[in-house]
Amino acid sequence: MRQLGDNSSGLDVNSTSCEIHDSILSPALPILYSIIFFFGLVSNIMTIFVFFLRKHSDSSMAVYMNHLAMADILLVMCLPLRVYYHNSPGPFYLCKVLGVFFYVNMYASILFLSLISLDRYLKIIKPVWVLRIHKVRWSHRASFSVWAGLVLAMSFFSLRKDKEGPCDRICFHFHHKGLLGGMANLTVVAFFYAIFLLFICFYARITTKLRNMSLGNRDPKAQRRKSRVILKTFVVPVIFTLCFLPYHLVRVPYVLAQVDVIQALGSKQILHILNELTLLLSALNSCLDPIIYYFLSCTYRRTILCALQGQFKTMYAVNRRRISINRSITEI
C-alpha cells in the first residue's frame, strides 16, 4: 500500500474523494480531544507522582493502579497527533502505528480495570482465601502479561493490509476493511462483552455481600457508612460502562459497514459519527480513572488532600506507612 506522503495531495488523480465526513463534529473533535489531553495529562502525572511516593506497594490493588495510570498517560500522549492530523491525510504508517498504540492503551485500561474488579471481588466475597492472585509478585506478572499480550495481538492490526479506498487516506477516519480485518475486530468486541458480563457478575455479588454485612443494624451512623461503601463500590462499574460500553455497542454495525455488509452511504455516515462520539468517551476514561483511585485508595485520597492543603510533610509521611490491604480494597 502506498504511503500518503508520496505526493502533495496524498490522492491519485483517478481516485474520488472520501464521501464520509465528520459533519457537525469536525470543529468540535479537536477541541474536545485537546481538553481530554490537558486534564488527562495533569491528573495522571499527579497520579504517577503519588504512586512514586509510595514506599510500600504491598497490595495487588496498588500494582494494578500503577499500570492503569501508565496506560492512561500513554493514551493521552496519542491525542496531540490525533488533533494535528484530524480529518486530513498524513503519513500512512505513522497514523496506523499511532492508531494501534491508542487501542493498545485503551484495552490495557479495560483489562487493568477488570483485574482491579477481580481483585476486589475475591477479597470481599472470599476474604479468608489466600490465593496467588492476592500476591504482589503474581500481580506484577499478570500486569506484564497484559502488556505483552496486547502488543502481540495489536501487532496483527499494524501489519494487516486492508482494502484501499479514498477514506483510507485520511488519518483516524472511516477505513474500509477486508474480511479478515473485520473478523479480527469483531473478535475483540466479543472479548469485551465477555469481560463486561464478568463485571456485572462481580459487582452484583459484591453489592449483595455488602448489603448483608452487619455493621450495627440499629445504628444510624453504621447504616450511613454501609450506604457510602455500597455507593463507592459502583464507581468502577459506572465509569467502565460509561466509557467503554457505548463504543463497543456501536462497533458491531460500524465494522459491518467497514466490510461493506452495510453499504448505504447514509448509514455509514451515521455510524462514523457515532463511532467518533463513543471513541471520545473511551478517551475520557483517562481523565476519570483518578476518581477511582480517590475512592478506592485511602492513601491516594489522603495524599491528594494533603497536597491541595499544602501539607507536603504530612503527604510524604502518609506514603511512608504500610496500609492494610483489606482497608484499601473495601474502604470499610
C-alpha atoms as a PDB file:
ATOM      1  CA  MET A   1       0.000   0.000   0.000  1.00  0.00           C
ATOM      2  CA  ARG A   2       1.342   3.437  -0.910  1.00  0.00           C
ATOM      3  CA  GLN A   3       2.314   5.956   1.773  1.00  0.00           C
ATOM      4  CA  LEU A   4       0.210   9.084   1.986  1.00  0.00           C
ATOM      5  CA  GLY A   5       3.113  11.469   1.825  1.00  0.00           C
ATOM      6  CA  ASP A   6       4.328  10.294  -1.602  1.00  0.00           C
ATOM      7  CA  ASN A   7       2.729  13.243  -3.375  1.00  0.00           C
ATOM      8  CA  SER A   8       1.499  16.665  -2.438  1.00  0.00           C
ATOM      9  CA  SER A   9      -2.178  15.821  -2.359  1.00  0.00           C
ATOM     10  CA  GLY A  10      -1.971  12.297  -0.974  1.00  0.00           C
ATOM     11  CA  LEU A  11      -4.554  11.198  -3.574  1.00  0.00           C
ATOM     12  CA  ASP A  12      -4.377   9.600  -7.001  1.00  0.00           C
ATOM     13  CA  VAL A  13      -5.602  11.565  -9.975  1.00  0.00           C
ATOM     14  CA  ASN A  14      -8.268   8.998 -10.776  1.00  0.00           C
ATOM     15  CA  SER A  15      -9.461   8.491  -7.195  1.00  0.00           C
ATOM     16  CA  THR A  16     -12.569  10.050  -5.772  1.00  0.00           C
ATOM     17  CA  SER A  17     -12.743  11.938  -2.516  1.00  0.00           C
ATOM     18  CA  CYS A  18     -13.999  10.396   0.684  1.00  0.00           C
ATOM     19  CA  GLU A  19     -17.771  10.828   0.938  1.00  0.00           C
ATOM     20  CA  ILE A  20     -17.810  10.118   4.700  1.00  0.00           C
ATOM     21  CA  HIS A  21     -17.001  13.126   6.850  1.00  0.00           C
ATOM     22  CA  ASP A  22     -17.178  14.310  10.448  1.00  0.00           C
ATOM     23  CA  SER A  23     -20.103  16.652   9.719  1.00  0.00           C
ATOM     24  CA  ILE A  24     -21.030  18.715  12.800  1.00  0.00           C
ATOM     25  CA  LEU A  25     -18.241  17.060  14.815  1.00  0.00           C
ATOM     26  CA  SER A  26     -15.484  18.447  12.604  1.00  0.00           C
ATOM     27  CA  PRO A  27     -14.783  21.628  14.648  1.00  0.00           C
ATOM     28  CA  ALA A  28     -15.670  20.031  17.987  1.00  0.00           C
ATOM     29  CA  LEU A  29     -13.492  16.891  17.997  1.00  0.00           C
ATOM     30  CA  PRO A  30     -10.077  18.658  18.073  1.00  0.00           C
ATOM     31  CA  ILE A  31     -11.262  20.905  20.887  1.00  0.00           C
ATOM     32  CA  LEU A  32     -12.698  18.040  22.938  1.00  0.00           C
ATOM     33  CA  TYR A  33      -9.613  15.860  22.447  1.00  0.00           C
ATOM     34  CA  SER A  34      -7.427  18.816  23.478  1.00  0.00           C
ATOM     35  CA  ILE A  35      -9.438  19.208  26.688  1.00  0.00           C
ATOM     36  CA  ILE A  36      -9.135  15.481  27.433  1.00  0.00           C
ATOM     37  CA  PHE A  37      -5.401  15.671  26.724  1.00  0.00           C
ATOM     38  CA  PHE A  38      -4.898  18.545  29.167  1.00  0.00           C
ATOM     39  CA  PHE A  39      -6.906  17.117  32.074  1.00  0.00           C
ATOM     40  CA  GLY A  40      -5.765  13.554  31.408  1.00  0.00           C
ATOM     41  CA  LEU A  41      -2.104  14.571  31.342  1.00  0.00           C
ATOM     42  CA  VAL A  42      -2.310  16.679  34.512  1.00  0.00           C
ATOM     43  CA  SER A  43      -4.346  14.156  36.536  1.00  0.00           C
ATOM     44  CA  ASN A  44      -2.249  11.163  35.515  1.00  0.00           C
ATOM     45  CA  ILE A  45       1.094  12.888  36.052  1.00  0.00           C
ATOM     46  CA  MET A  46      -0.181  13.722  39.533  1.00  0.00           C
ATOM     47  CA  THR A  47      -1.283  10.107  39.989  1.00  0.00           C
ATOM     48  CA  ILE A  48       2.076   8.679  38.913  1.00  0.00           C
ATOM     49  CA  PHE A  49       3.788  11.141  41.267  1.00  0.00           C
ATOM     50  CA  VAL A  50       1.621   9.898  44.156  1.00  0.00           C
ATOM     51  CA  PHE A  51       2.405   6.278  43.301  1.00  0.00           C
ATOM     52  CA  PHE A  52       6.110   7.151  43.019  1.00  0.00           C
ATOM     53  CA  LEU A  53       5.990   8.462  46.591  1.00  0.00           C
ATOM     54  CA  ARG A  54       4.669   5.130  47.807  1.00  0.00           C
ATOM     55  CA  LYS A  55       7.403   3.327  49.722  1.00  0.00           C
ATOM     56  CA  HIS A  56       5.285   0.227  50.280  1.00  0.00           C
ATOM     57  CA  SER A  57       3.375  -1.057  47.223  1.00  0.00           C
ATOM     58  CA  ASP A  58       2.253  -4.023  49.297  1.00  0.00           C
ATOM     59  CA  SER A  59      -1.109  -4.717  47.691  1.00  0.00           C
ATOM     60  CA  SER A  60      -2.153  -6.127  44.348  1.00  0.00           C
ATOM     61  CA  MET A  61      -4.552  -3.172  44.033  1.00  0.00           C
ATOM     62  CA  ALA A  62      -1.605  -0.736  44.078  1.00  0.00           C
ATOM     63  CA  VAL A  63       0.145  -2.719  41.330  1.00  0.00           C
ATOM     64  CA  TYR A  64      -2.889  -2.636  39.032  1.00  0.00           C
ATOM     65  CA  MET A  65      -3.467   1.057  39.705  1.00  0.00           C
ATOM     66  CA  ASN A  66       0.151   1.810  38.749  1.00  0.00           C
ATOM     67  CA  HIS A  67      -0.229   0.063  35.416  1.00  0.00           C
ATOM     68  CA  LEU A  68      -3.655   1.603  34.796  1.00  0.00           C
ATOM     69  CA  ALA A  69      -2.230   5.092  35.330  1.00  0.00           C
ATOM     70  CA  MET A  70       0.615   4.296  32.922  1.00  0.00           C
ATOM     71  CA  ALA A  71      -1.847   3.104  30.264  1.00  0.00           C
ATOM     72  CA  ASP A  72      -3.879   6.303  30.683  1.00  0.00           C
ATOM     73  CA  ILE A  73      -0.918   8.647  30.352  1.00  0.00           C
ATOM     74  CA  LEU A  74       0.344   6.800  27.274  1.00  0.00           C
ATOM     75  CA  LEU A  75      -3.113   7.060  25.726  1.00  0.00           C
ATOM     76  CA  VAL A  76      -3.388  10.817  26.246  1.00  0.00           C
ATOM     77  CA  MET A  77       0.056  11.242  24.676  1.00  0.00           C
ATOM     78  CA  CYS A  78      -1.512   9.977  21.415  1.00  0.00           C
ATOM     79  CA  LEU A  79      -4.095  12.755  21.367  1.00  0.00           C
ATOM     80  CA  PRO A  80      -1.997  15.737  20.151  1.00  0.00           C
ATOM     81  CA  LEU A  81      -1.170  13.934  16.878  1.00  0.00           C
ATOM     82  CA  ARG A  82      -4.793  12.857  16.600  1.00  0.00           C
ATOM     83  CA  VAL A  83      -5.752  16.542  16.804  1.00  0.00           C
ATOM     84  CA  TYR A  84      -2.969  17.589  14.390  1.00  0.00           C
ATOM     85  CA  TYR A  85      -3.956  15.095  11.684  1.00  0.00           C
ATOM     86  CA  HIS A  86      -7.691  15.430  12.281  1.00  0.00           C
ATOM     87  CA  ASN A  87      -9.674  14.919   9.075  1.00  0.00           C
ATOM     88  CA  SER A  88      -6.605  15.241   6.866  1.00  0.00           C
ATOM     89  CA  PRO A  89      -4.090  12.944   5.114  1.00  0.00           C
ATOM     90  CA  GLY A  90      -0.923  12.086   6.974  1.00  0.00           C
ATOM     91  CA  PRO A  91       1.995   9.663   6.832  1.00  0.00           C
ATOM     92  CA  PHE A  92       0.339   6.279   6.418  1.00  0.00           C
ATOM     93  CA  TYR A  93       2.496   4.216   8.758  1.00  0.00           C
ATOM     94  CA  LEU A  94       2.657   6.936  11.422  1.00  0.00           C
ATOM     95  CA  CYS A  95      -1.144   7.156  11.511  1.00  0.00           C
ATOM     96  CA  LYS A  96      -1.549   3.375  11.550  1.00  0.00           C
ATOM     97  CA  VAL A  97       1.027   2.760  14.299  1.00  0.00           C
ATOM     98  CA  LEU A  98      -0.357   5.639  16.352  1.00  0.00           C
ATOM     99  CA  GLY A  99      -3.872   4.225  15.988  1.00  0.00           C
ATOM    100  CA  VAL A 100      -2.709   0.789  17.144  1.00  0.00           C
ATOM    101  CA  PHE A 101      -0.835   2.405  20.063  1.00  0.00           C
ATOM    102  CA  PHE A 102      -4.047   4.204  21.078  1.00  0.00           C
ATOM    103  CA  TYR A 103      -6.017   0.939  21.116  1.00  0.00           C
ATOM    104  CA  VAL A 104      -3.283  -0.950  22.996  1.00  0.00           C
ATOM    105  CA  ASN A 105      -3.568   1.522  25.852  1.00  0.00           C
ATOM    106  CA  MET A 106      -7.361   1.675  25.695  1.00  0.00           C
ATOM    107  CA  TYR A 107      -7.667  -2.092  26.049  1.00  0.00           C
ATOM    108  CA  ALA A 108      -4.918  -2.073  28.673  1.00  0.00           C
ATOM    109  CA  SER A 109      -7.166   0.247  30.697  1.00  0.00           C
ATOM    110  CA  ILE A 110     -10.084  -2.144  30.201  1.00  0.00           C
ATOM    111  CA  LEU A 111      -8.031  -5.149  31.359  1.00  0.00           C
ATOM    112  CA  PHE A 112      -6.490  -3.416  34.374  1.00  0.00           C
ATOM    113  CA  LEU A 113      -9.914  -2.214  35.499  1.00  0.00           C
ATOM    114  CA  SER A 114     -11.018  -5.830  35.127  1.00  0.00           C
ATOM    115  CA  LEU A 115      -8.111  -7.069  37.251  1.00  0.00           C
ATOM    116  CA  ILE A 116      -8.931  -4.463  39.912  1.00  0.00           C
ATOM    117  CA  SER A 117     -12.523  -5.701  39.923  1.00  0.00           C
ATOM    118  CA  LEU A 118     -11.466  -9.357  40.124  1.00  0.00           C
ATOM    119  CA  ASP A 119      -9.122  -8.495  42.984  1.00  0.00           C
ATOM    120  CA  ARG A 120     -11.870  -6.700  44.897  1.00  0.00           C
ATOM    121  CA  TYR A 121     -14.341  -9.480  44.176  1.00  0.00           C
ATOM    122  CA  LEU A 122     -12.105 -12.186  45.640  1.00  0.00           C
ATOM    123  CA  LYS A 123     -11.114 -10.139  48.684  1.00  0.00           C
ATOM    124  CA  ILE A 124     -14.687  -9.185  49.528  1.00  0.00           C
ATOM    125  CA  ILE A 125     -16.525 -12.382  48.600  1.00  0.00           C
ATOM    126  CA  LYS A 126     -13.777 -14.813  49.709  1.00  0.00           C
ATOM    127  CA  PRO A 127     -11.865 -12.830  52.356  1.00  0.00           C
ATOM    128  CA  VAL A 128     -10.399 -15.905  54.085  1.00  0.00           C
ATOM    129  CA  TRP A 129      -8.956 -17.372  50.899  1.00  0.00           C
ATOM    130  CA  VAL A 130      -5.249 -16.896  50.292  1.00  0.00           C
ATOM    131  CA  LEU A 131      -4.783 -17.041  46.532  1.00  0.00           C
ATOM    132  CA  ARG A 132      -1.792 -16.433  44.309  1.00  0.00           C
ATOM    133  CA  ILE A 133      -3.701 -13.562  42.684  1.00  0.00           C
ATOM    134  CA  HIS A 134      -3.501 -11.709  46.010  1.00  0.00           C
ATOM    135  CA  LYS A 135       0.301 -11.719  45.958  1.00  0.00           C
ATOM    136  CA  VAL A 136       2.139  -8.664  44.653  1.00  0.00           C
ATOM    137  CA  ARG A 137       4.566 -10.801  42.657  1.00  0.00           C
ATOM    138  CA  TRP A 138       1.665 -12.506  40.865  1.00  0.00           C
ATOM    139  CA  SER A 139       0.069  -9.109  40.197  1.00  0.00           C
ATOM    140  CA  HIS A 140       3.267  -7.852  38.562  1.00  0.00           C
ATOM    141  CA  ARG A 141       3.408 -10.934  36.356  1.00  0.00           C
ATOM    142  CA  ALA A 142      -0.258 -10.593  35.404  1.00  0.00           C
ATOM    143  CA  SER A 143       0.262  -6.921  34.515  1.00  0.00           C
ATOM    144  CA  PHE A 144       3.290  -7.569  32.323  1.00  0.00           C
ATOM    145  CA  SER A 145       1.381 -10.429  30.660  1.00  0.00           C
ATOM    146  CA  VAL A 146      -1.417  -7.994  29.820  1.00  0.00           C
ATOM    147  CA  TRP A 147       1.033  -5.627  28.119  1.00  0.00           C
ATOM    148  CA  ALA A 148       2.793  -8.427  26.243  1.00  0.00           C
ATOM    149  CA  GLY A 149      -0.485  -9.991  25.090  1.00  0.00           C
ATOM    150  CA  LEU A 150      -1.884  -6.666  23.874  1.00  0.00           C
ATOM    151  CA  VAL A 151       1.268  -5.693  21.984  1.00  0.00           C
ATOM    152  CA  LEU A 152       1.357  -9.123  20.328  1.00  0.00           C
ATOM    153  CA  ALA A 153      -2.353  -9.035  19.421  1.00  0.00           C
ATOM    154  CA  MET A 154      -2.324  -5.462  18.157  1.00  0.00           C
ATOM    155  CA  SER A 155       0.798  -6.050  16.036  1.00  0.00           C
ATOM    156  CA  PHE A 156      -1.521  -8.086  13.819  1.00  0.00           C
ATOM    157  CA  PHE A 157      -3.557  -4.948  13.143  1.00  0.00           C
ATOM    158  CA  SER A 158      -0.474  -2.876  12.273  1.00  0.00           C
ATOM    159  CA  LEU A 159       0.859  -5.476   9.820  1.00  0.00           C
ATOM    160  CA  ARG A 160      -2.507  -6.300   8.236  1.00  0.00           C
ATOM    161  CA  LYS A 161      -3.287  -4.884   4.798  1.00  0.00           C
ATOM    162  CA  ASP A 162      -6.882  -3.761   4.413  1.00  0.00           C
ATOM    163  CA  LYS A 163      -8.859  -2.691   1.380  1.00  0.00           C
ATOM    164  CA  GLU A 164      -7.814   0.634  -0.085  1.00  0.00           C
ATOM    165  CA  GLY A 165     -10.220   3.459  -0.794  1.00  0.00           C
ATOM    166  CA  PRO A 166     -10.440   7.276  -0.681  1.00  0.00           C
ATOM    167  CA  CYS A 167     -11.364   7.333   3.028  1.00  0.00           C
ATOM    168  CA  ASP A 168      -8.334   5.194   3.924  1.00  0.00           C
ATOM    169  CA  ARG A 169      -6.016   8.080   3.081  1.00  0.00           C
ATOM    170  CA  ILE A 170      -7.372  10.144   5.971  1.00  0.00           C
ATOM    171  CA  CYS A 171      -5.873   9.543   9.408  1.00  0.00           C
ATOM    172  CA  PHE A 172      -8.143   8.254  12.198  1.00  0.00           C
ATOM    173  CA  HIS A 173     -11.158   8.138   9.910  1.00  0.00           C
ATOM    174  CA  PHE A 174     -13.589   5.590   8.473  1.00  0.00           C
ATOM    175  CA  HIS A 175     -11.405   2.938   6.816  1.00  0.00           C
ATOM    176  CA  HIS A 176     -12.593   0.011   4.734  1.00  0.00           C
ATOM    177  CA  LYS A 177     -11.532  -3.453   5.868  1.00  0.00           C
ATOM    178  CA  GLY A 178     -11.202  -6.872   4.350  1.00  0.00           C
ATOM    179  CA  LEU A 179     -13.000  -9.906   5.724  1.00  0.00           C
ATOM    180  CA  LEU A 180     -10.050 -10.961   7.898  1.00  0.00           C
ATOM    181  CA  GLY A 181      -9.728  -7.491   9.410  1.00  0.00           C
ATOM    182  CA  GLY A 182     -13.456  -7.334  10.091  1.00  0.00           C
ATOM    183  CA  MET A 183     -13.451 -10.724  11.817  1.00  0.00           C
ATOM    184  CA  ALA A 184     -10.484  -9.674  13.966  1.00  0.00           C
ATOM    185  CA  ASN A 185     -12.293  -6.505  15.083  1.00  0.00           C
ATOM    186  CA  LEU A 186     -15.493  -8.392  15.878  1.00  0.00           C
ATOM    187  CA  THR A 187     -13.473 -10.898  17.921  1.00  0.00           C
ATOM    188  CA  VAL A 188     -12.128  -8.014  20.020  1.00  0.00           C
ATOM    189  CA  VAL A 189     -15.707  -6.779  20.539  1.00  0.00           C
ATOM    190  CA  ALA A 190     -16.817 -10.260  21.651  1.00  0.00           C
ATOM    191  CA  PHE A 191     -13.878 -10.337  24.084  1.00  0.00           C
ATOM    192  CA  PHE A 192     -15.044  -7.035  25.587  1.00  0.00           C
ATOM    193  CA  TYR A 193     -18.608  -8.314  26.027  1.00  0.00           C
ATOM    194  CA  ALA A 194     -17.265 -11.355  27.905  1.00  0.00           C
ATOM    195  CA  ILE A 195     -15.376  -9.035  30.244  1.00  0.00           C
ATOM    196  CA  PHE A 196     -18.444  -6.828  30.675  1.00  0.00           C
ATOM    197  CA  LEU A 197     -20.603  -9.804  31.693  1.00  0.00           C
ATOM    198  CA  LEU A 198     -17.991 -10.732  34.290  1.00  0.00           C
ATOM    199  CA  PHE A 199     -18.127  -7.129  35.536  1.00  0.00           C
ATOM    200  CA  ILE A 200     -21.874  -7.411  36.059  1.00  0.00           C
ATOM    201  CA  CYS A 201     -21.489 -10.712  37.919  1.00  0.00           C
ATOM    202  CA  PHE A 202     -18.663  -9.411  40.111  1.00  0.00           C
ATOM    203  CA  TYR A 203     -20.431  -6.257  41.220  1.00  0.00           C
ATOM    204  CA  ALA A 204     -23.800  -7.927  41.680  1.00  0.00           C
ATOM    205  CA  ARG A 205     -22.145 -10.353  44.120  1.00  0.00           C
ATOM    206  CA  ILE A 206     -20.130  -7.587  45.809  1.00  0.00           C
ATOM    207  CA  THR A 207     -23.231  -5.431  46.293  1.00  0.00           C
ATOM    208  CA  THR A 208     -25.201  -8.354  47.733  1.00  0.00           C
ATOM    209  CA  LYS A 209     -22.367  -9.188  50.133  1.00  0.00           C
ATOM    210  CA  LEU A 210     -22.022  -5.594  51.342  1.00  0.00           C
ATOM    211  CA  ARG A 211     -25.798  -5.221  51.823  1.00  0.00           C
ATOM    212  CA  ASN A 212     -25.847  -8.334  54.004  1.00  0.00           C
ATOM    213  CA  MET A 213     -22.897  -7.270  56.134  1.00  0.00           C
ATOM    214  CA  SER A 214     -23.652  -6.446  59.744  1.00  0.00           C
ATOM    215  CA  LEU A 215     -22.262  -3.043  60.670  1.00  0.00           C
ATOM    216  CA  GLY A 216     -24.657  -2.390  63.517  1.00  0.00           C
ATOM    217  CA  ASN A 217     -28.113  -2.742  62.066  1.00  0.00           C
ATOM    218  CA  ARG A 218     -29.720  -0.435  64.619  1.00  0.00           C
ATOM    219  CA  ASP A 219     -27.011   2.226  64.464  1.00  0.00           C
ATOM    220  CA  PRO A 220     -27.939   5.030  62.008  1.00  0.00           C
ATOM    221  CA  LYS A 221     -24.272   6.009  61.615  1.00  0.00           C
ATOM    222  CA  ALA A 222     -23.336   2.445  60.725  1.00  0.00           C
ATOM    223  CA  GLN A 223     -26.132   2.296  58.172  1.00  0.00           C
ATOM    224  CA  ARG A 224     -24.988   5.539  56.563  1.00  0.00           C
ATOM    225  CA  ARG A 225     -21.483   4.155  56.486  1.00  0.00           C
ATOM    226  CA  LYS A 226     -22.692   0.990  54.769  1.00  0.00           C
ATOM    227  CA  SER A 227     -24.595   3.084  52.210  1.00  0.00           C
ATOM    228  CA  ARG A 228     -21.455   5.077  51.426  1.00  0.00           C
ATOM    229  CA  VAL A 229     -19.465   1.874  50.980  1.00  0.00           C
ATOM    230  CA  ILE A 230     -22.066   0.491  48.565  1.00  0.00           C
ATOM    231  CA  LEU A 231     -22.164   3.747  46.589  1.00  0.00           C
ATOM    232  CA  LYS A 232     -18.358   3.796  46.298  1.00  0.00           C
ATOM    233  CA  THR A 233     -18.485   0.230  45.078  1.00  0.00           C
ATOM    234  CA  PHE A 234     -20.320   1.414  41.960  1.00  0.00           C
ATOM    235  CA  VAL A 235     -17.615   3.929  40.965  1.00  0.00           C
ATOM    236  CA  VAL A 236     -15.653   1.373  38.922  1.00  0.00           C
ATOM    237  CA  PRO A 237     -18.576  -0.235  37.009  1.00  0.00           C
ATOM    238  CA  VAL A 238     -20.211   3.147  36.328  1.00  0.00           C
ATOM    239  CA  ILE A 239     -17.025   4.626  34.827  1.00  0.00           C
ATOM    240  CA  PHE A 240     -16.289   1.392  32.960  1.00  0.00           C
ATOM    241  CA  THR A 241     -19.798   1.249  31.475  1.00  0.00           C
ATOM    242  CA  LEU A 242     -19.956   4.958  30.613  1.00  0.00           C
ATOM    243  CA  CYS A 243     -16.616   4.990  28.814  1.00  0.00           C
ATOM    244  CA  PHE A 244     -16.427   1.635  27.070  1.00  0.00           C
ATOM    245  CA  LEU A 245     -19.885   0.104  26.554  1.00  0.00           C
ATOM    246  CA  PRO A 246     -21.236   2.726  24.062  1.00  0.00           C
ATOM    247  CA  TYR A 247     -18.154   2.332  21.854  1.00  0.00           C
ATOM    248  CA  HIS A 248     -18.492  -1.442  21.686  1.00  0.00           C
ATOM    249  CA  LEU A 249     -22.237  -1.244  21.053  1.00  0.00           C
ATOM    250  CA  VAL A 250     -21.574   0.931  18.004  1.00  0.00           C
ATOM    251  CA  ARG A 251     -18.570  -1.138  16.974  1.00  0.00           C
ATOM    252  CA  VAL A 252     -20.509  -4.117  15.576  1.00  0.00           C
ATOM    253  CA  PRO A 253     -22.550  -2.222  12.924  1.00  0.00           C
ATOM    254  CA  TYR A 254     -19.550   0.052  12.307  1.00  0.00           C
ATOM    255  CA  VAL A 255     -17.310  -2.916  11.401  1.00  0.00           C
ATOM    256  CA  LEU A 256     -20.105  -4.339   9.233  1.00  0.00           C
ATOM    257  CA  ALA A 257     -20.109  -1.020   7.377  1.00  0.00           C
ATOM    258  CA  GLN A 258     -16.328  -1.170   7.003  1.00  0.00           C
ATOM    259  CA  VAL A 259     -16.528  -4.575   5.308  1.00  0.00           C
ATOM    260  CA  ASP A 260     -19.461  -3.381   3.151  1.00  0.00           C
ATOM    261  CA  VAL A 261     -22.091  -5.640   4.691  1.00  0.00           C
ATOM    262  CA  ILE A 262     -23.847  -2.328   5.368  1.00  0.00           C
ATOM    263  CA  GLN A 263     -23.499  -0.472   2.061  1.00  0.00           C
ATOM    264  CA  ALA A 264     -25.814   2.534   2.344  1.00  0.00           C
ATOM    265  CA  LEU A 265     -23.745   5.723   2.416  1.00  0.00           C
ATOM    266  CA  GLY A 266     -26.152   7.424   4.835  1.00  0.00           C
ATOM    267  CA  SER A 267     -25.838   4.540   7.297  1.00  0.00           C
ATOM    268  CA  LYS A 268     -22.039   4.633   7.057  1.00  0.00           C
ATOM    269  CA  GLN A 269     -22.101   8.384   7.714  1.00  0.00           C
ATOM    270  CA  ILE A 270     -24.242   7.982  10.849  1.00  0.00           C
ATOM    271  CA  LEU A 271     -22.116   5.091  12.111  1.00  0.00           C
ATOM    272  CA  HIS A 272     -18.935   7.111  11.585  1.00  0.00           C
ATOM    273  CA  ILE A 273     -20.277   9.980  13.694  1.00  0.00           C
ATOM    274  CA  LEU A 274     -21.444   7.592  16.421  1.00  0.00           C
ATOM    275  CA  ASN A 275     -18.067   5.843  16.368  1.00  0.00           C
ATOM    276  CA  GLU A 276     -16.233   9.149  16.827  1.00  0.00           C
ATOM    277  CA  LEU A 277     -18.501  10.211  19.697  1.00  0.00           C
ATOM    278  CA  THR A 278     -18.177   6.912  21.548  1.00  0.00           C
ATOM    279  CA  LEU A 279     -14.409   6.793  20.941  1.00  0.00           C
ATOM    280  CA  LEU A 280     -14.275  10.205  22.581  1.00  0.00           C
ATOM    281  CA  LEU A 281     -15.975   8.673  25.641  1.00  0.00           C
ATOM    282  CA  SER A 282     -13.353   5.918  25.677  1.00  0.00           C
ATOM    283  CA  ALA A 283     -10.576   8.521  25.695  1.00  0.00           C
ATOM    284  CA  LEU A 284     -12.393  10.337  28.512  1.00  0.00           C
ATOM    285  CA  ASN A 285     -11.708   7.306  30.717  1.00  0.00           C
ATOM    286  CA  SER A 286      -8.121   8.540  31.119  1.00  0.00           C
ATOM    287  CA  CYS A 287      -9.491  11.584  32.980  1.00  0.00           C
ATOM    288  CA  LEU A 288     -11.957   9.599  35.108  1.00  0.00           C
ATOM    289  CA  ASP A 289      -9.685   6.819  36.393  1.00  0.00           C
ATOM    290  CA  PRO A 290      -8.129   9.124  39.061  1.00  0.00           C
ATOM    291  CA  ILE A 291     -11.647   9.282  40.560  1.00  0.00           C
ATOM    292  CA  ILE A 292     -11.421   5.505  41.036  1.00  0.00           C
ATOM    293  CA  TYR A 293      -8.074   5.854  42.794  1.00  0.00           C
ATOM    294  CA  TYR A 294      -9.526   8.560  45.038  1.00  0.00           C
ATOM    295  CA  PHE A 295     -12.420   6.397  46.230  1.00  0.00           C
ATOM    296  CA  LEU A 296     -10.649   3.026  46.403  1.00  0.00           C
ATOM    297  CA  SER A 297      -7.313   4.001  47.943  1.00  0.00           C
ATOM    298  CA  CYS A 298      -7.239   5.783  51.285  1.00  0.00           C
ATOM    299  CA  THR A 299      -3.523   6.546  50.784  1.00  0.00           C
ATOM    300  CA  TYR A 300      -4.156   8.170  47.411  1.00  0.00           C
ATOM    301  CA  ARG A 301      -7.058  10.191  48.823  1.00  0.00           C
ATOM    302  CA  ARG A 302      -5.073  11.429  51.824  1.00  0.00           C
ATOM    303  CA  THR A 303      -2.092  12.301  49.642  1.00  0.00           C
ATOM    304  CA  ILE A 304      -4.220  14.370  47.256  1.00  0.00           C
ATOM    305  CA  LEU A 305      -5.970  16.177  50.128  1.00  0.00           C
ATOM    306  CA  CYS A 306      -2.634  16.939  51.807  1.00  0.00           C
ATOM    307  CA  ALA A 307      -1.211  18.269  48.534  1.00  0.00           C
ATOM    308  CA  LEU A 308      -4.237  20.527  47.979  1.00  0.00           C
ATOM    309  CA  GLN A 309      -3.868  21.890  51.517  1.00  0.00           C
ATOM    310  CA  GLY A 310      -0.109  22.416  51.140  1.00  0.00           C
ATOM    311  CA  GLN A 311       0.711  19.845  53.838  1.00  0.00           C
ATOM    312  CA  PHE A 312       3.661  18.325  51.994  1.00  0.00           C
ATOM    313  CA  LYS A 313       5.407  16.853  55.041  1.00  0.00           C
ATOM    314  CA  THR A 314       2.208  15.047  56.003  1.00  0.00           C
ATOM    315  CA  MET A 315       1.771  13.918  52.387  1.00  0.00           C
ATOM    316  CA  TYR A 316       5.237  12.379  52.425  1.00  0.00           C
ATOM    317  CA  ALA A 317       4.592  10.683  55.791  1.00  0.00           C
ATOM    318  CA  VAL A 318       1.323   9.151  54.568  1.00  0.00           C
ATOM    319  CA  ASN A 319       3.178   7.401  51.774  1.00  0.00           C
ATOM    320  CA  ARG A 320       5.857   6.030  54.105  1.00  0.00           C
ATOM    321  CA  ARG A 321       3.331   3.922  56.018  1.00  0.00           C
ATOM    322  CA  ARG A 322       2.206   0.422  55.279  1.00  0.00           C
ATOM    323  CA  ILE A 323      -1.530   0.191  54.726  1.00  0.00           C
ATOM    324  CA  SER A 324      -3.990  -2.599  55.298  1.00  0.00           C
ATOM    325  CA  ILE A 325      -4.747  -4.432  52.066  1.00  0.00           C
ATOM    326  CA  ASN A 326      -8.366  -5.071  53.027  1.00  0.00           C
ATOM    327  CA  ARG A 327      -8.896  -1.471  54.030  1.00  0.00           C
ATOM    328  CA  SER A 328      -7.638  -0.192  50.681  1.00  0.00           C
ATOM    329  CA  ILE A 329      -9.958  -2.602  48.887  1.00  0.00           C
ATOM    330  CA  THR A 330     -13.230  -2.317  50.773  1.00  0.00           C
ATOM    331  CA  GLU A 331     -12.882   1.123  52.379  1.00  0.00           C
ATOM    332  CA  ILE A 332     -14.889  -0.214  55.345  1.00  0.00           C
END
